[in-house]
Protein backbone atom coordinates (compact mmCIF):
# COMPACT_ATOMS: atom_id res chain seq x y z
CA MET A 1 48.70 -26.78 27.78
CA ARG A 2 45.89 -28.31 25.83
CA GLY A 3 43.22 -26.42 27.91
CA LEU A 4 44.88 -23.30 27.20
CA GLY A 5 44.82 -23.75 23.47
CA PHE A 6 40.91 -24.20 23.76
CA ALA A 7 40.57 -21.44 26.07
CA THR A 8 42.56 -18.88 23.66
CA ALA A 9 40.31 -20.22 20.76
CA MET A 10 36.96 -19.51 22.48
CA VAL A 11 38.26 -16.07 23.44
CA ALA A 12 39.11 -15.54 19.93
CA ALA A 13 35.80 -17.22 18.63
CA VAL A 14 33.36 -15.36 20.66
CA PRO A 15 33.74 -11.57 19.17
CA LEU A 16 33.96 -13.30 15.68
CA LEU A 17 30.64 -15.20 16.20
CA ALA A 18 28.99 -12.26 17.71
CA GLY A 19 29.72 -10.24 14.75
CA CYS A 20 28.30 -12.90 12.43
CA VAL A 21 24.92 -12.99 14.48
CA ALA A 22 24.54 -9.38 14.32
CA ALA A 23 25.17 -9.26 10.85
CA VAL A 24 22.64 -12.07 9.96
CA ILE A 25 19.97 -10.28 12.18
CA ALA A 26 20.56 -7.04 10.60
CA ASN A 27 20.00 -8.52 7.08
CA SER A 28 17.11 -10.62 8.23
CA PRO A 29 13.81 -9.75 6.13
CA HIS A 30 12.03 -9.07 9.47
CA SER A 31 14.52 -7.28 11.42
CA GLY A 32 12.61 -4.19 11.40
CA THR A 33 15.48 -1.79 10.86
CA ALA A 34 14.41 1.45 9.09
CA ALA A 35 16.74 0.33 6.01
CA ASP A 36 14.72 -3.31 6.12
CA THR A 37 11.15 -1.76 6.15
CA ARG A 38 11.80 1.30 4.05
CA GLY A 39 10.43 0.33 0.31
CA ARG A 40 8.95 -3.21 1.34
CA SER A 41 5.17 -3.58 1.42
CA ALA A 42 2.94 -6.41 1.85
CA PRO A 43 2.73 -9.07 -0.67
CA GLY A 44 -0.03 -7.84 -3.55
CA ALA A 45 -0.49 -4.34 -1.78
CA PRO A 46 -1.13 -1.71 -4.61
CA THR A 47 1.99 0.88 -5.00
CA ALA A 48 1.40 4.75 -4.96
CA GLY A 49 1.53 4.48 -8.84
CA ALA A 50 -1.11 1.74 -8.93
CA ASP A 51 -3.32 3.97 -6.92
CA ALA A 52 -2.77 7.01 -9.15
CA ALA A 53 -3.34 4.70 -12.40
CA LEU A 54 -6.56 3.59 -10.54
CA ALA A 55 -7.96 6.86 -9.79
CA GLY A 56 -7.05 8.22 -13.49
CA ARG A 57 -9.19 5.36 -14.86
CA LEU A 58 -12.07 6.12 -12.59
CA ARG A 59 -12.08 9.90 -13.48
CA SER A 60 -11.68 8.63 -17.18
CA ARG A 61 -14.76 6.31 -16.78
CA PHE A 62 -16.82 9.48 -15.01
CA ALA A 63 -15.73 11.58 -17.87
CA ALA A 64 -17.27 9.22 -20.62
CA ASP A 65 -20.40 8.77 -18.57
CA PRO A 66 -23.07 10.85 -19.92
CA VAL A 67 -24.81 11.42 -16.65
CA LEU A 68 -21.89 11.59 -14.30
CA ARG A 69 -19.41 13.81 -16.42
CA SER A 70 -21.21 17.16 -15.43
CA GLU A 71 -21.24 16.16 -11.60
CA LEU A 72 -18.48 17.35 -9.05
CA ILE A 73 -16.79 14.13 -8.18
CA ASP A 74 -13.37 13.67 -6.73
CA VAL A 75 -11.79 10.28 -6.82
CA SER A 76 -8.85 9.15 -4.53
CA ALA A 77 -7.34 5.66 -4.32
CA LEU A 78 -5.46 4.19 -1.55
CA ALA A 79 -4.37 0.55 -1.59
CA GLY A 80 -7.37 -0.40 -3.78
CA THR A 81 -9.88 1.46 -1.27
CA VAL A 82 -11.58 4.23 -3.46
CA THR A 83 -13.03 7.34 -1.67
CA LEU A 84 -15.52 9.41 -3.69
CA SER A 85 -16.29 12.72 -2.42
CA GLY A 86 -18.19 15.87 -3.74
CA VAL A 87 -21.44 17.12 -4.98
CA VAL A 88 -23.95 15.22 -7.02
CA THR A 89 -27.56 16.58 -8.12
CA SER A 90 -29.49 13.45 -7.37
CA SER A 91 -29.32 10.15 -5.24
CA ALA A 92 -29.55 8.38 -8.58
CA ALA A 93 -26.26 10.03 -9.62
CA ARG A 94 -24.71 9.06 -6.14
CA SER A 95 -25.66 5.35 -6.73
CA SER A 96 -24.70 5.36 -10.31
CA ALA A 97 -21.28 6.58 -9.42
CA GLU A 98 -20.61 4.06 -6.78
CA ARG A 99 -21.87 1.27 -9.04
CA LEU A 100 -19.54 2.64 -12.00
CA VAL A 101 -16.48 2.49 -9.38
CA ARG A 102 -17.33 -1.19 -8.30
CA THR A 103 -17.00 -2.49 -12.00
CA VAL A 104 -13.32 -1.34 -12.40
CA VAL A 105 -10.59 -3.91 -11.61
CA GLY A 106 -8.43 -2.91 -9.01
CA VAL A 107 -11.14 -1.65 -6.72
CA ARG A 108 -11.41 -3.49 -3.26
CA THR A 109 -13.80 -1.31 -1.21
CA VAL A 110 -15.54 1.88 -2.09
CA ASN A 111 -16.23 4.91 0.72
CA ASN A 112 -19.05 7.05 -0.97
CA LEU A 113 -19.07 10.30 0.79
CA LEU A 114 -21.09 12.00 -2.12
CA LYS A 115 -23.43 14.55 -1.00
CA VAL A 116 -26.77 15.34 -2.82
CA GLN A 117 -27.75 18.86 -3.40
């Protein structure tokens, strides 16, 4: 009779434990479910708002620069990588724009796609 009680307890416990394991795995920070990965970014990674703020600061710096304010420079930022595109009138202006961008806090890398015409 004693063996039957243990067997019954095991039969009842297995589904319960299986449900607990599934619940623990689903709530794990590394489960990879859509609900888990949505809204989570790498530690220290800039957000879309931070990217927009960085691009805005750079546009302000270009507008304040007496040489670069008249150039047609487009600025975009993604995770600290700034891309400059557009047309400038000289290679000096192209270099000056890149130097200015590198001085701003939050810039990790610069892709200078400016064309001289």
